[in-house]
C-alpha cells in the first residue's frame, strides 16, 4: 500500500479486514463508496448487500455503492451505513470471523446516526 510501512501493512492484513472508503471513479466507473473484505471469503462477491444499487465489481474486487445513490437519498447517512453494515455482515460469517471478539455492543459505540 502506498504510503504505509511494510510492517503496518503486514499487521493490518494479518487478520480479518473489512475496509471501506471512497472511490473517485475512473474511465470505467463513476464515483462510489466502496467496501471490501480481506482475505476475501468464498461467496463474498455473490452476497446480497444493501441498498439495491450496491453491486460487486469483479474488476476492483470491491462492493460499490454509487455516490449519486447516497447523495440523492432522503437520509444519506442511513443509506451509507446500511451499505457498510451489510458488506460487513456478509464478510463476517463467510470468513468465519469471531464476531464476539471483533465487535462492540451498540451501547458502547461512540458514534450514532
N, C-alpha and C. Protein backbone atom coordinates (compact mmCIF):
# COMPACT_ATOMS: atom_id res chain seq x y z
N UNK A 1 0.84 -1.17 0.00
CA UNK A 1 0.00 0.00 0.00
C UNK A 1 0.89 1.24 0.00
N UNK A 2 0.50 2.16 -0.78
CA UNK A 2 1.24 3.39 -0.93
C UNK A 2 1.22 4.20 0.36
N UNK A 3 2.40 4.61 0.81
CA UNK A 3 2.49 5.48 1.98
C UNK A 3 2.49 4.77 3.31
N UNK A 4 2.38 3.46 3.33
CA UNK A 4 2.40 2.72 4.59
C UNK A 4 3.67 1.89 4.68
N UNK A 5 4.32 1.88 5.84
CA UNK A 5 5.45 0.98 6.02
C UNK A 5 5.01 -0.47 5.88
N UNK A 6 5.88 -1.31 5.37
CA UNK A 6 5.55 -2.72 5.18
C UNK A 6 5.04 -3.37 6.46
N UNK A 7 5.63 -3.03 7.60
CA UNK A 7 5.21 -3.65 8.86
C UNK A 7 3.75 -3.32 9.18
N UNK A 8 3.31 -2.12 8.87
CA UNK A 8 1.92 -1.73 9.11
C UNK A 8 1.00 -2.54 8.20
N UNK A 9 1.35 -2.62 6.95
CA UNK A 9 0.53 -3.38 6.00
C UNK A 9 0.46 -4.85 6.38
N UNK A 10 1.58 -5.43 6.75
CA UNK A 10 1.59 -6.85 7.14
C UNK A 10 0.69 -7.09 8.35
N UNK A 11 0.76 -6.21 9.35
CA UNK A 11 -0.07 -6.38 10.54
C UNK A 11 -1.54 -6.16 10.21
N UNK A 12 -1.83 -5.12 9.42
CA UNK A 12 -3.22 -4.81 9.09
C UNK A 12 -3.90 -5.95 8.34
N UNK A 13 -3.16 -6.62 7.49
CA UNK A 13 -3.74 -7.69 6.68
C UNK A 13 -3.40 -9.08 7.19
N UNK A 14 -2.95 -9.18 8.45
CA UNK A 14 -2.63 -10.49 9.01
C UNK A 14 -3.87 -11.16 9.61
N UNK A 15 -4.93 -10.41 9.77
CA UNK A 15 -6.18 -10.91 10.32
C UNK A 15 -7.32 -10.45 9.42
N UNK A 16 -8.54 -10.76 9.81
CA UNK A 16 -9.68 -10.38 9.01
C UNK A 16 -9.81 -8.86 8.92
N UNK A 17 -10.16 -8.41 7.75
CA UNK A 17 -10.29 -6.98 7.50
C UNK A 17 -11.58 -6.71 6.74
N UNK A 18 -12.35 -5.76 7.23
CA UNK A 18 -13.47 -5.21 6.49
C UNK A 18 -13.13 -3.74 6.34
N UNK A 19 -12.90 -3.32 5.11
CA UNK A 19 -12.45 -1.96 4.87
C UNK A 19 -13.43 -1.22 3.99
N UNK A 20 -13.50 0.08 4.16
CA UNK A 20 -14.39 0.88 3.34
C UNK A 20 -13.72 2.20 3.01
N UNK A 21 -14.26 2.85 2.00
CA UNK A 21 -13.69 4.12 1.60
C UNK A 21 -14.50 4.76 0.50
N UNK A 22 -13.86 5.68 -0.18
CA UNK A 22 -14.49 6.39 -1.28
C UNK A 22 -13.65 6.21 -2.52
N UNK A 23 -14.29 5.82 -3.60
CA UNK A 23 -13.65 5.59 -4.89
C UNK A 23 -14.03 6.77 -5.78
N UNK A 24 -13.03 7.50 -6.25
CA UNK A 24 -13.32 8.68 -7.07
C UNK A 24 -13.76 8.34 -8.48
N UNK A 25 -13.63 7.09 -8.85
CA UNK A 25 -14.03 6.66 -10.17
C UNK A 25 -12.87 6.70 -11.16
N UNK A 26 -13.11 6.16 -12.32
CA UNK A 26 -12.12 6.14 -13.39
C UNK A 26 -12.86 6.07 -14.72
N UNK A 27 -12.20 5.68 -15.75
CA UNK A 27 -12.84 5.63 -17.07
C UNK A 27 -13.96 4.59 -17.15
N UNK A 28 -13.92 3.61 -16.25
CA UNK A 28 -14.90 2.53 -16.31
C UNK A 28 -15.99 2.61 -15.25
N UNK A 29 -15.84 3.49 -14.26
CA UNK A 29 -16.85 3.55 -13.21
C UNK A 29 -16.93 4.96 -12.63
N UNK A 30 -18.10 5.30 -12.13
CA UNK A 30 -18.34 6.60 -11.52
C UNK A 30 -17.91 6.58 -10.05
N UNK A 31 -17.92 7.75 -9.43
CA UNK A 31 -17.59 7.86 -8.02
C UNK A 31 -18.54 7.00 -7.19
N UNK A 32 -17.98 6.38 -6.16
CA UNK A 32 -18.78 5.47 -5.34
C UNK A 32 -18.13 5.27 -3.98
N UNK A 33 -18.93 4.87 -3.04
CA UNK A 33 -18.40 4.37 -1.78
C UNK A 33 -18.04 2.91 -2.02
N UNK A 34 -16.97 2.45 -1.37
CA UNK A 34 -16.51 1.08 -1.63
C UNK A 34 -16.32 0.33 -0.32
N UNK A 35 -16.37 -0.97 -0.42
CA UNK A 35 -16.17 -1.84 0.73
C UNK A 35 -15.63 -3.17 0.25
N UNK A 36 -14.63 -3.66 0.96
CA UNK A 36 -14.07 -4.97 0.61
C UNK A 36 -13.68 -5.72 1.87
N UNK A 37 -13.47 -7.01 1.74
CA UNK A 37 -13.01 -7.86 2.83
C UNK A 37 -11.71 -8.52 2.40
N UNK A 38 -10.79 -8.65 3.36
CA UNK A 38 -9.52 -9.31 3.07
C UNK A 38 -9.16 -10.20 4.24
N UNK A 39 -8.77 -11.43 3.97
CA UNK A 39 -8.86 -12.07 2.67
C UNK A 39 -10.33 -12.23 2.29
N UNK A 40 -10.59 -12.12 1.00
CA UNK A 40 -11.98 -12.19 0.55
C UNK A 40 -12.51 -13.60 0.75
N UNK A 41 -13.55 -13.75 1.57
CA UNK A 41 -14.10 -15.09 1.81
C UNK A 41 -14.83 -15.62 0.57
N UNK A 42 -14.82 -16.93 0.42
CA UNK A 42 -15.56 -17.56 -0.67
C UNK A 42 -17.02 -17.17 -0.57
N UNK A 43 -17.61 -16.78 -1.68
CA UNK A 43 -19.01 -16.41 -1.73
C UNK A 43 -19.27 -14.94 -1.46
N UNK A 44 -18.27 -14.18 -1.06
CA UNK A 44 -18.47 -12.77 -0.73
C UNK A 44 -18.98 -11.97 -1.93
N UNK A 45 -18.42 -12.21 -3.09
CA UNK A 45 -18.82 -11.45 -4.28
C UNK A 45 -20.29 -11.65 -4.64
N UNK A 46 -20.86 -12.77 -4.25
CA UNK A 46 -22.27 -13.07 -4.57
C UNK A 46 -23.22 -12.67 -3.44
N UNK A 47 -22.68 -12.08 -2.38
CA UNK A 47 -23.51 -11.73 -1.22
C UNK A 47 -24.56 -10.70 -1.58
N UNK A 48 -25.66 -10.77 -0.89
CA UNK A 48 -26.76 -9.83 -1.09
C UNK A 48 -26.52 -8.63 -0.17
N UNK A 49 -26.04 -7.53 -0.72
CA UNK A 49 -25.79 -6.34 0.09
C UNK A 49 -26.84 -5.29 -0.22
N UNK A 50 -26.98 -4.34 0.68
CA UNK A 50 -27.98 -3.29 0.56
C UNK A 50 -27.27 -1.95 0.49
N UNK A 51 -27.94 -0.94 0.00
CA UNK A 51 -29.24 -0.94 -0.67
C UNK A 51 -29.16 -1.56 -2.06
N UNK A 52 -30.27 -1.56 -2.75
CA UNK A 52 -30.37 -2.25 -4.03
C UNK A 52 -29.40 -1.79 -5.10
N UNK A 53 -28.93 -0.55 -5.04
CA UNK A 53 -28.00 -0.05 -6.06
C UNK A 53 -26.56 -0.52 -5.85
N UNK A 54 -26.28 -1.13 -4.72
CA UNK A 54 -24.93 -1.63 -4.45
C UNK A 54 -24.65 -2.85 -5.32
N UNK A 55 -23.39 -2.98 -5.73
CA UNK A 55 -23.01 -4.11 -6.58
C UNK A 55 -21.54 -4.45 -6.36
N UNK A 56 -21.19 -5.66 -6.78
CA UNK A 56 -19.81 -6.12 -6.67
C UNK A 56 -19.09 -5.87 -8.00
N UNK A 57 -17.94 -5.22 -7.93
CA UNK A 57 -17.11 -5.01 -9.12
C UNK A 57 -16.02 -6.07 -9.13
N UNK A 58 -16.13 -7.01 -10.06
CA UNK A 58 -15.10 -8.06 -10.17
C UNK A 58 -13.76 -7.45 -10.55
N UNK A 59 -13.78 -6.38 -11.32
CA UNK A 59 -12.54 -5.74 -11.75
C UNK A 59 -11.78 -5.17 -10.55
N UNK A 60 -12.49 -4.55 -9.63
CA UNK A 60 -11.85 -3.95 -8.47
C UNK A 60 -11.76 -4.91 -7.28
N UNK A 61 -12.66 -5.87 -7.22
CA UNK A 61 -12.73 -6.76 -6.07
C UNK A 61 -13.38 -6.10 -4.87
N UNK A 62 -14.27 -5.15 -5.13
CA UNK A 62 -14.96 -4.39 -4.09
C UNK A 62 -16.45 -4.34 -4.37
N UNK A 63 -17.22 -4.15 -3.29
CA UNK A 63 -18.60 -3.73 -3.45
C UNK A 63 -18.59 -2.22 -3.62
N UNK A 64 -19.45 -1.72 -4.48
CA UNK A 64 -19.56 -0.29 -4.73
C UNK A 64 -21.00 0.16 -4.53
N UNK A 65 -21.14 1.34 -3.98
CA UNK A 65 -22.44 1.99 -3.87
C UNK A 65 -22.28 3.36 -4.53
N UNK A 66 -22.96 3.58 -5.65
CA UNK A 66 -22.79 4.85 -6.36
C UNK A 66 -22.98 6.07 -5.45
N UNK A 67 -22.09 7.01 -5.59
CA UNK A 67 -22.15 8.25 -4.83
C UNK A 67 -23.51 8.93 -5.02
N UNK A 68 -24.00 8.94 -6.24
CA UNK A 68 -25.28 9.59 -6.50
C UNK A 68 -26.44 8.95 -5.75
N UNK A 69 -26.37 7.65 -5.52
CA UNK A 69 -27.42 6.98 -4.74
C UNK A 69 -27.47 7.57 -3.34
N UNK A 70 -26.32 7.74 -2.74
CA UNK A 70 -26.24 8.30 -1.39
C UNK A 70 -26.63 9.77 -1.41
N UNK A 71 -26.07 10.51 -2.32
CA UNK A 71 -26.29 11.96 -2.40
C UNK A 71 -27.76 12.30 -2.61
N UNK A 72 -28.45 11.53 -3.40
CA UNK A 72 -29.83 11.84 -3.74
C UNK A 72 -30.86 11.26 -2.77
N UNK A 73 -30.42 10.51 -1.79
CA UNK A 73 -31.37 9.88 -0.86
C UNK A 73 -31.86 10.91 0.17
N UNK A 74 -32.98 10.59 0.80
CA UNK A 74 -33.53 11.46 1.84
C UNK A 74 -32.68 11.40 3.11
N UNK A 75 -31.98 10.29 3.32
CA UNK A 75 -31.16 10.13 4.52
C UNK A 75 -29.82 9.51 4.12
N UNK A 76 -28.89 10.33 3.60
CA UNK A 76 -27.62 9.79 3.11
C UNK A 76 -26.83 9.01 4.16
N UNK A 77 -26.83 9.47 5.40
CA UNK A 77 -26.09 8.77 6.45
C UNK A 77 -26.62 7.35 6.64
N UNK A 78 -27.93 7.20 6.67
CA UNK A 78 -28.53 5.89 6.87
C UNK A 78 -28.27 4.97 5.68
N UNK A 79 -28.32 5.51 4.47
CA UNK A 79 -28.08 4.70 3.26
C UNK A 79 -26.64 4.20 3.26
N UNK A 80 -25.70 5.08 3.57
CA UNK A 80 -24.30 4.67 3.59
C UNK A 80 -24.04 3.66 4.70
N UNK A 81 -24.59 3.89 5.88
CA UNK A 81 -24.41 2.95 6.98
C UNK A 81 -25.00 1.59 6.63
N UNK A 82 -26.16 1.57 5.98
CA UNK A 82 -26.78 0.31 5.57
C UNK A 82 -25.84 -0.47 4.64
N UNK A 83 -25.22 0.23 3.69
CA UNK A 83 -24.27 -0.39 2.77
C UNK A 83 -23.08 -0.97 3.54
N UNK A 84 -22.48 -0.16 4.37
CA UNK A 84 -21.28 -0.60 5.09
C UNK A 84 -21.59 -1.76 6.04
N UNK A 85 -22.71 -1.67 6.74
CA UNK A 85 -23.07 -2.75 7.66
C UNK A 85 -23.39 -4.03 6.90
N UNK A 86 -24.05 -3.91 5.77
CA UNK A 86 -24.42 -5.12 5.03
C UNK A 86 -23.20 -5.81 4.42
N UNK A 87 -22.19 -5.06 4.01
CA UNK A 87 -20.98 -5.70 3.47
C UNK A 87 -20.22 -6.39 4.60
N UNK A 88 -20.16 -5.76 5.76
CA UNK A 88 -19.53 -6.41 6.92
C UNK A 88 -20.32 -7.65 7.32
N UNK A 89 -21.65 -7.53 7.35
CA UNK A 89 -22.49 -8.67 7.73
C UNK A 89 -22.37 -9.82 6.73
N UNK A 90 -21.98 -9.52 5.51
CA UNK A 90 -21.74 -10.58 4.52
C UNK A 90 -20.37 -11.21 4.74
N UNK A 91 -19.36 -10.40 4.99
CA UNK A 91 -17.99 -10.91 5.12
C UNK A 91 -17.78 -11.74 6.38
N UNK A 92 -18.30 -11.28 7.50
CA UNK A 92 -18.00 -11.92 8.78
C UNK A 92 -18.39 -13.41 8.85
N UNK A 93 -19.61 -13.78 8.53
CA UNK A 93 -19.94 -15.21 8.61
C UNK A 93 -19.26 -16.04 7.53
N UNK A 94 -19.13 -15.47 6.33
CA UNK A 94 -18.46 -16.22 5.25
C UNK A 94 -16.99 -16.46 5.57
N UNK A 95 -16.36 -15.50 6.25
CA UNK A 95 -14.96 -15.63 6.62
C UNK A 95 -14.75 -16.32 7.95
N UNK A 96 -15.84 -16.73 8.58
CA UNK A 96 -15.80 -17.40 9.89
C UNK A 96 -15.08 -16.54 10.93
N UNK A 97 -15.35 -15.24 10.90
CA UNK A 97 -14.73 -14.31 11.84
C UNK A 97 -15.36 -14.46 13.21
N UNK A 98 -14.56 -14.26 14.24
CA UNK A 98 -15.04 -14.30 15.62
C UNK A 98 -15.68 -12.95 15.94
N UNK A 99 -16.93 -12.82 15.62
CA UNK A 99 -17.61 -11.53 15.75
C UNK A 99 -17.68 -11.07 17.19
N UNK A 100 -17.82 -11.98 18.12
CA UNK A 100 -17.88 -11.57 19.53
C UNK A 100 -16.58 -10.88 19.95
N UNK A 101 -15.47 -11.37 19.45
CA UNK A 101 -14.18 -10.76 19.78
C UNK A 101 -13.94 -9.46 19.01
N UNK A 102 -14.55 -9.33 17.84
CA UNK A 102 -14.30 -8.18 16.98
C UNK A 102 -15.22 -6.99 17.23
N UNK A 103 -16.42 -7.24 17.71
CA UNK A 103 -17.44 -6.19 17.76
C UNK A 103 -17.71 -5.68 19.16
N UNK A 104 -18.06 -4.40 19.23
CA UNK A 104 -18.53 -3.81 20.48
C UNK A 104 -20.05 -3.77 20.44
N UNK A 105 -20.66 -3.87 21.59
CA UNK A 105 -22.11 -3.73 21.65
C UNK A 105 -22.48 -2.32 21.23
N UNK A 106 -23.65 -2.14 20.66
CA UNK A 106 -24.05 -0.83 20.14
C UNK A 106 -24.05 0.23 21.24
N UNK A 107 -24.32 -0.13 22.48
CA UNK A 107 -24.31 0.84 23.58
C UNK A 107 -22.91 1.39 23.83
N UNK A 108 -21.88 0.65 23.42
CA UNK A 108 -20.50 1.09 23.64
C UNK A 108 -19.99 1.96 22.51
N UNK A 109 -20.71 2.05 21.41
CA UNK A 109 -20.26 2.84 20.27
C UNK A 109 -20.28 4.31 20.61
N UNK A 110 -19.29 5.01 20.15
CA UNK A 110 -19.23 6.45 20.39
C UNK A 110 -19.95 7.21 19.28
N UNK A 111 -20.32 6.55 18.19
CA UNK A 111 -20.98 7.23 17.08
C UNK A 111 -22.40 6.72 16.94
N UNK A 112 -23.24 7.59 16.56
CA UNK A 112 -24.64 7.24 16.33
C UNK A 112 -25.16 8.12 15.22
N UNK A 113 -26.15 7.64 14.49
CA UNK A 113 -26.80 8.46 13.46
C UNK A 113 -27.98 9.17 14.07
